[in-house]
Amino acid sequence: MKAQLLLPVAVVLGAAVLSSLFIVDEREKALVLQFGQVKQVKEEPGLGFKIPLIQEVVKYDARILGLPTQPLEVTPLDDRRLVVDAFARWRITDLVEFREAVGVGGIDAAQTRLDRILNAAIREVLGAVPSNRVLSEDRTALMNQIRDRARAESGALGIEVIDVRLTRTDLPEQNLAATFARMRAEREREAADEIARGGEAAQRVRATADRTVVELTSEARRMAEVARGEADAERNGIYAEAFGRDPEFFAFTRSLTSYERALQSGNSSIVMQPDSEFFTYLRSDVAPADRGVAPAAAPTPAPAAPAPTTAP
């Protein structure tokens, strides 16, 4: 009979003991609450105890948590609107203060309040600097200022803001078209300037090339005329030397050249006097000097054939 009574008692005692135990993971922190009041703080991992049915255990994440903010439109110092969003990393540092600040909302309520704190800090810091500084790659100082302001404001929540990073800084959608149009106009103007400078340089090169061509052509013509004059002088010297050696032979060859040019095949006719000197070597094979005719006084070439006249 006693054994039958002890068994239920043992079961009840065992259930009471088990319900009084709780385990805290190394990634967690726990609070033991009694009617909403904090009775125990358990921050170290391990086994904990509580009063069954009277006390309850509330656990919170002890790791570093992340909070991405929603895109926020800010107006920097030069009144150029920008769309900015950030990413914050934070953790719970004081469980009792955290519980008193957020109540039963826990992590979600803390992130909602931290989001508002970050938005206010972003507006305050970025609104005091020009947009060029916000859009530059070196924004570390600005992010540190946002982190410090958010850390000071969030200290009352029992949390610590570890870091804040600006993930995007863009222009609003309605300003992108105008900005792109202005950038396109600037690039087109730069391209037009480059084309104009290239055209000017091309004109200079072309003018230099044309001047060089004229100079080279003139110099080549001058040298050709000089060479032609020297050749003519050399030719005349040879003629004069040949005439001085044998005037009769020179006159004979010149006459044959004149006959060859004048008596070519064709329907042309020559009208002249029969006793003309042009026919001297056709009438006789004796030179004018041998027939008592005085030779020419000057050493000039034989007379050329007269211009042919076409008979009517």
Protein backbone atom coordinates (compact mmCIF):
# COMPACT_ATOMS: atom_id res chain seq x y z
CA MET A 1 0.00 0.00 0.00
CA LYS A 2 2.83 2.35 0.87
CA ALA A 3 4.63 1.43 -2.38
CA GLN A 4 1.57 2.38 -4.33
CA LEU A 5 1.47 5.80 -2.65
CA LEU A 6 5.18 6.45 -3.03
CA LEU A 7 5.12 5.95 -6.79
CA PRO A 8 2.81 8.90 -7.55
CA VAL A 9 4.68 11.06 -5.09
CA ALA A 10 7.96 10.15 -6.75
CA VAL A 11 6.53 10.99 -10.14
CA VAL A 12 5.26 14.34 -8.91
CA LEU A 13 8.58 15.14 -7.26
CA GLY A 14 10.46 14.11 -10.40
CA ALA A 15 8.27 16.32 -12.59
CA ALA A 16 8.74 19.21 -10.16
CA VAL A 17 12.50 18.78 -10.20
CA LEU A 18 12.60 18.60 -14.00
CA SER A 19 10.39 21.66 -14.36
CA SER A 20 12.69 23.58 -12.04
CA LEU A 21 15.71 22.97 -14.26
CA PHE A 22 16.58 24.88 -17.43
CA ILE A 23 19.60 24.86 -19.71
CA VAL A 24 21.26 27.97 -21.15
CA ASP A 25 23.08 27.46 -24.45
CA GLU A 26 26.42 29.18 -25.11
CA ARG A 27 24.67 31.30 -27.73
CA GLU A 28 22.00 32.52 -25.31
CA LYS A 29 21.38 34.61 -22.23
CA ALA A 30 18.43 34.02 -19.89
CA LEU A 31 16.29 35.87 -17.38
CA VAL A 32 14.29 34.21 -14.60
CA LEU A 33 11.06 36.18 -14.09
CA GLN A 34 8.56 35.95 -11.28
CA PHE A 35 5.29 37.70 -12.00
CA GLY A 36 7.09 39.92 -14.50
CA GLN A 37 9.90 40.86 -12.15
CA VAL A 38 13.50 39.82 -12.82
CA LYS A 39 14.68 37.40 -10.17
CA GLN A 40 17.78 35.93 -11.77
CA VAL A 41 20.15 36.68 -14.65
CA LYS A 42 21.82 33.73 -16.32
CA GLU A 43 24.51 34.83 -18.82
CA GLU A 44 26.88 31.85 -18.54
CA PRO A 45 26.02 28.62 -20.36
CA GLY A 46 25.01 25.69 -18.20
CA LEU A 47 22.25 24.41 -15.93
CA GLY A 48 19.93 26.79 -14.04
CA PHE A 49 17.16 26.47 -11.47
CA LYS A 50 13.80 28.17 -11.05
CA ILE A 51 10.67 27.72 -8.96
CA PRO A 52 8.19 25.67 -10.92
CA LEU A 53 4.84 27.22 -11.85
CA ILE A 54 5.85 30.54 -10.28
CA GLN A 55 8.92 31.55 -12.20
CA GLU A 56 9.52 31.52 -15.95
CA VAL A 57 12.65 31.67 -18.08
CA VAL A 58 13.04 34.11 -21.00
CA LYS A 59 16.00 33.55 -23.31
CA TYR A 60 17.65 36.05 -25.65
CA ASP A 61 20.23 35.66 -28.39
CA ALA A 62 23.67 36.53 -27.08
CA ARG A 63 25.33 36.66 -30.51
CA ILE A 64 26.04 39.74 -32.64
CA LEU A 65 22.89 40.50 -34.61
CA GLY A 66 22.45 42.34 -37.90
CA LEU A 67 19.88 44.99 -38.83
CA PRO A 68 19.50 46.18 -42.43
CA THR A 69 17.71 49.51 -42.59
CA GLN A 70 15.07 50.45 -45.11
CA PRO A 71 16.05 52.83 -47.96
CA LEU A 72 15.99 56.35 -46.59
CA GLU A 73 15.90 59.61 -48.54
CA VAL A 74 18.22 62.26 -47.09
CA THR A 75 19.09 65.82 -48.12
CA PRO A 76 22.80 66.67 -47.78
CA LEU A 77 24.19 70.14 -47.24
CA ASP A 78 23.99 71.07 -50.95
CA ASP A 79 20.26 70.18 -51.18
CA ARG A 80 20.93 67.23 -53.47
CA ARG A 81 18.63 64.40 -52.40
CA LEU A 82 20.08 60.92 -51.98
CA VAL A 83 18.66 57.47 -51.22
CA VAL A 84 20.71 55.78 -48.49
CA ASP A 85 20.42 52.47 -46.68
CA ALA A 86 22.72 51.00 -44.05
CA PHE A 87 23.52 47.81 -42.19
CA ALA A 88 24.11 47.77 -38.42
CA ARG A 89 25.56 45.10 -36.15
CA TRP A 90 24.52 45.09 -32.53
CA ARG A 91 24.26 42.89 -29.42
CA ILE A 92 22.56 42.81 -26.02
CA THR A 93 24.82 43.98 -23.21
CA ASP A 94 22.44 44.44 -20.25
CA LEU A 95 19.63 41.88 -19.99
CA VAL A 96 17.71 43.63 -17.22
CA GLU A 97 17.79 47.01 -18.95
CA PHE A 98 16.93 45.37 -22.25
CA ARG A 99 13.90 43.64 -20.70
CA GLU A 100 12.71 46.85 -19.10
CA ALA A 101 13.11 48.80 -22.35
CA VAL A 102 11.47 46.42 -24.84
CA GLY A 103 9.20 44.38 -22.56
CA VAL A 104 7.73 41.25 -24.06
CA GLY A 105 8.58 42.41 -27.59
CA GLY A 106 12.09 41.07 -27.31
CA ILE A 107 14.47 41.18 -30.29
CA ASP A 108 11.83 42.38 -32.79
CA ALA A 109 10.86 45.36 -30.66
CA ALA A 110 14.52 46.23 -30.11
CA GLN A 111 15.24 46.16 -33.85
CA THR A 112 12.23 48.40 -34.54
CA ARG A 113 13.44 51.00 -32.07
CA LEU A 114 17.06 50.67 -33.25
CA ASP A 115 15.92 51.21 -36.85
CA ARG A 116 14.38 54.54 -35.87
CA ILE A 117 17.55 55.51 -34.01
CA LEU A 118 19.71 54.67 -37.04
CA ASN A 119 17.48 56.62 -39.42
CA ALA A 120 17.71 59.69 -37.19
CA ALA A 121 21.50 59.37 -36.92
CA ILE A 122 21.86 58.94 -40.71
CA ARG A 123 19.76 62.04 -41.41
CA GLU A 124 21.66 64.09 -38.85
CA VAL A 125 25.17 63.11 -40.00
CA LEU A 126 24.63 63.08 -43.78
CA GLY A 127 22.57 66.28 -43.66
CA ALA A 128 25.62 68.19 -42.39
CA VAL A 129 27.98 67.31 -45.27
CA PRO A 130 27.83 67.87 -49.06
CA SER A 131 26.66 65.09 -51.35
CA ASN A 132 30.08 64.66 -52.96
CA ARG A 133 31.47 63.48 -49.64
CA VAL A 134 28.60 61.04 -49.20
CA LEU A 135 29.08 59.63 -52.70
CA SER A 136 32.85 59.31 -52.39
CA GLU A 137 34.50 55.99 -51.67
CA ASP A 138 36.05 57.18 -48.39
CA ARG A 139 32.98 57.32 -46.12
CA THR A 140 34.56 55.72 -43.06
CA ALA A 141 34.44 58.90 -40.99
CA LEU A 142 30.75 59.40 -41.75
CA MET A 143 29.90 55.80 -40.86
CA ASN A 144 31.82 56.11 -37.58
CA GLN A 145 29.86 59.24 -36.71
CA ILE A 146 26.57 57.45 -37.41
CA ARG A 147 27.71 54.51 -35.27
CA ASP A 148 28.68 56.76 -32.34
CA ARG A 149 25.37 58.64 -32.40
CA ALA A 150 23.37 55.42 -32.65
CA ARG A 151 25.43 53.86 -29.85
CA ALA A 152 24.75 56.82 -27.58
CA GLU A 153 21.00 56.75 -28.27
CA SER A 154 20.64 52.97 -28.01
CA GLY A 155 22.49 52.67 -24.69
CA ALA A 156 19.20 53.07 -22.85
CA LEU A 157 17.92 49.90 -24.51
CA GLY A 158 20.63 47.76 -22.97
CA ILE A 159 22.25 47.11 -26.34
CA GLU A 160 25.51 48.14 -28.01
CA VAL A 161 25.84 49.19 -31.65
CA ILE A 162 29.09 47.62 -32.82
CA ASP A 163 29.30 48.90 -36.38
CA VAL A 164 27.29 50.76 -39.03
CA ARG A 165 27.98 50.52 -42.77
CA LEU A 166 26.39 52.47 -45.61
CA THR A 167 25.50 49.87 -48.21
CA ARG A 168 23.95 52.13 -50.86
CA THR A 169 24.05 55.84 -51.68
CA ASP A 170 22.17 56.60 -54.90
CA LEU A 171 20.10 59.32 -56.45
CA PRO A 172 16.29 59.04 -56.37
CA GLU A 173 14.66 57.49 -59.41
CA GLN A 174 13.11 60.78 -60.53
CA ASN A 175 16.57 62.42 -60.58
CA LEU A 176 18.42 59.64 -62.40
CA ALA A 177 17.16 60.62 -65.87
CA ALA A 178 18.19 64.25 -65.44
CA THR A 179 21.54 63.23 -64.00
CA PHE A 180 22.22 60.80 -66.83
CA ALA A 181 21.20 63.44 -69.39
CA ARG A 182 23.62 65.94 -67.83
CA MET A 183 26.41 63.35 -67.78
CA ARG A 184 25.68 62.47 -71.42
CA ALA A 185 25.78 66.15 -72.40
CA GLU A 186 29.12 66.59 -70.63
CA ARG A 187 30.57 63.55 -72.37
CA GLU A 188 29.28 64.75 -75.75
CA ARG A 189 30.81 68.16 -75.16
CA GLU A 190 34.15 66.57 -74.27
CA ALA A 191 33.91 64.37 -77.37
CA ALA A 192 33.17 67.44 -79.54
CA ASP A 193 36.18 69.23 -78.06
CA GLU A 194 38.39 66.24 -78.76
CA ILE A 195 37.06 66.01 -82.34
CA ALA A 196 37.68 69.74 -82.88
CA ARG A 197 41.23 69.46 -81.53
CA GLY A 198 41.82 66.41 -83.70
CA GLY A 199 40.50 68.25 -86.77
CA GLU A 200 42.74 71.20 -86.03
CA ALA A 201 45.76 68.94 -85.65
CA ALA A 202 44.82 67.16 -88.88
CA GLN A 203 44.63 70.50 -90.71
CA ARG A 204 48.07 71.45 -89.42
CA VAL A 205 49.53 68.13 -90.51
CA ARG A 206 47.80 68.38 -93.90
CA ALA A 207 49.04 71.95 -94.44
CA THR A 208 52.57 70.92 -93.48
CA ALA A 209 52.39 67.96 -95.87
CA ASP A 210 51.09 70.17 -98.71
CA ARG A 211 53.84 72.72 -98.12
CA THR A 212 56.41 69.94 -98.09
CA VAL A 213 55.03 68.58 -101.37
CA VAL A 214 55.25 72.01 -103.00
CA GLU A 215 58.78 72.53 -101.72
CA LEU A 216 59.92 69.09 -102.85
CA THR A 217 58.24 69.49 -106.26
CA SER A 218 59.77 72.93 -106.77
CA GLU A 219 63.18 71.67 -105.76
CA ALA A 220 62.83 68.66 -108.08
CA ARG A 221 61.78 70.90 -110.99
CA ARG A 222 64.68 73.25 -110.31
CA MET A 223 67.11 70.35 -110.24
CA ALA A 224 65.53 68.96 -113.44
CA GLU A 225 65.90 72.32 -115.20
CA VAL A 226 69.49 72.57 -114.05
CA ALA A 227 70.20 69.05 -115.28
CA ARG A 228 68.41 69.76 -118.55
CA GLY A 229 70.37 73.00 -119.02
CA GLU A 230 73.65 71.22 -118.28
CA ALA A 231 72.71 68.46 -120.74
CA ASP A 232 71.79 71.00 -123.42
CA ALA A 233 75.06 72.83 -122.85
CA GLU A 234 76.97 69.57 -123.06
CA ARG A 235 75.06 68.64 -126.22
CA ASN A 236 75.76 72.03 -127.81
CA GLY A 237 79.40 71.71 -126.85
CA ILE A 238 79.57 68.33 -128.58
CA TYR A 239 77.86 69.80 -131.66
CA ALA A 240 80.24 72.73 -131.69
CA GLU A 241 83.26 70.48 -131.29
CA ALA A 242 82.03 68.18 -134.07
CA PHE A 243 81.35 71.18 -136.33
CA GLY A 244 84.80 72.55 -135.66
CA ARG A 245 86.42 69.27 -136.64
CA ASP A 246 84.50 68.70 -139.91
CA PRO A 247 82.00 71.40 -140.84
CA GLU A 248 81.05 69.70 -144.10
CA PHE A 249 80.16 66.40 -142.41
CA PHE A 250 78.18 68.24 -139.76
CA ALA A 251 76.24 70.15 -142.43
CA PHE A 252 75.66 66.88 -144.29
CA THR A 253 74.23 65.04 -141.28
CA ARG A 254 72.04 67.98 -140.37
CA SER A 255 70.73 68.08 -143.93
CA LEU A 256 69.94 64.36 -143.83
CA THR A 257 68.04 64.87 -140.57
CA SER A 258 66.07 67.67 -142.17
CA TYR A 259 65.30 65.49 -145.23
CA GLU A 260 64.12 62.67 -142.93
CA ARG A 261 61.78 64.94 -141.06
CA ALA A 262 60.45 66.74 -144.13
CA LEU A 263 60.07 63.83 -146.52
CA GLN A 264 58.01 61.51 -144.38
CA SER A 265 55.22 59.44 -145.81
CA GLY A 266 51.91 61.21 -146.13
CA ASN A 267 49.92 63.45 -148.41
CA SER A 268 51.92 66.62 -147.61
CA SER A 269 53.58 68.70 -150.34
CA ILE A 270 56.56 71.06 -150.22
CA VAL A 271 56.59 74.14 -152.41
CA MET A 272 59.95 75.97 -152.75
CA GLN A 273 62.43 77.14 -155.37
CA PRO A 274 64.45 74.37 -157.08
CA ASP A 275 67.74 76.14 -156.46
CA SER A 276 67.10 76.40 -152.75
CA GLU A 277 69.94 75.43 -150.44
CA PHE A 278 67.66 72.77 -148.95
CA PHE A 279 68.24 70.60 -152.05
CA THR A 280 72.01 71.08 -152.17
CA TYR A 281 72.83 67.46 -151.29
CA LEU A 282 69.96 66.15 -153.46
CA ARG A 283 71.27 67.85 -156.61
CA SER A 284 74.91 66.86 -156.13
CA ASP A 285 77.04 64.86 -153.78
CA VAL A 286 79.58 67.66 -153.69
CA ALA A 287 79.55 70.05 -150.81
CA PRO A 288 78.93 73.71 -151.53
CA ALA A 289 82.59 74.48 -150.71
CA ASP A 290 83.80 72.07 -153.43
CA ARG A 291 81.60 73.80 -156.04
CA GLY A 292 82.93 77.23 -155.22
CA VAL A 293 80.20 78.07 -152.78
CA ALA A 294 81.51 79.64 -149.56
CA PRO A 295 80.72 77.68 -146.40
CA ALA A 296 78.65 79.18 -143.66
CA ALA A 297 80.47 81.79 -141.64
CA ALA A 298 79.21 80.78 -138.22
CA PRO A 299 79.31 77.28 -136.73
CA THR A 300 75.57 76.90 -136.64
CA PRO A 301 73.61 73.75 -137.39
CA ALA A 302 72.25 73.12 -140.89
CA PRO A 303 68.98 74.89 -141.65
CA ALA A 304 65.90 73.00 -140.68
CA ALA A 305 63.36 71.97 -143.22
CA PRO A 306 60.66 74.53 -143.90
CA ALA A 307 57.25 73.96 -142.53
CA PRO A 308 55.27 71.68 -144.82
CA THR A 309 52.35 73.28 -146.59
CA THR A 310 49.37 71.29 -147.59
CA ALA A 311 48.51 71.68 -151.25
CA PRO A 312 45.02 72.79 -151.96
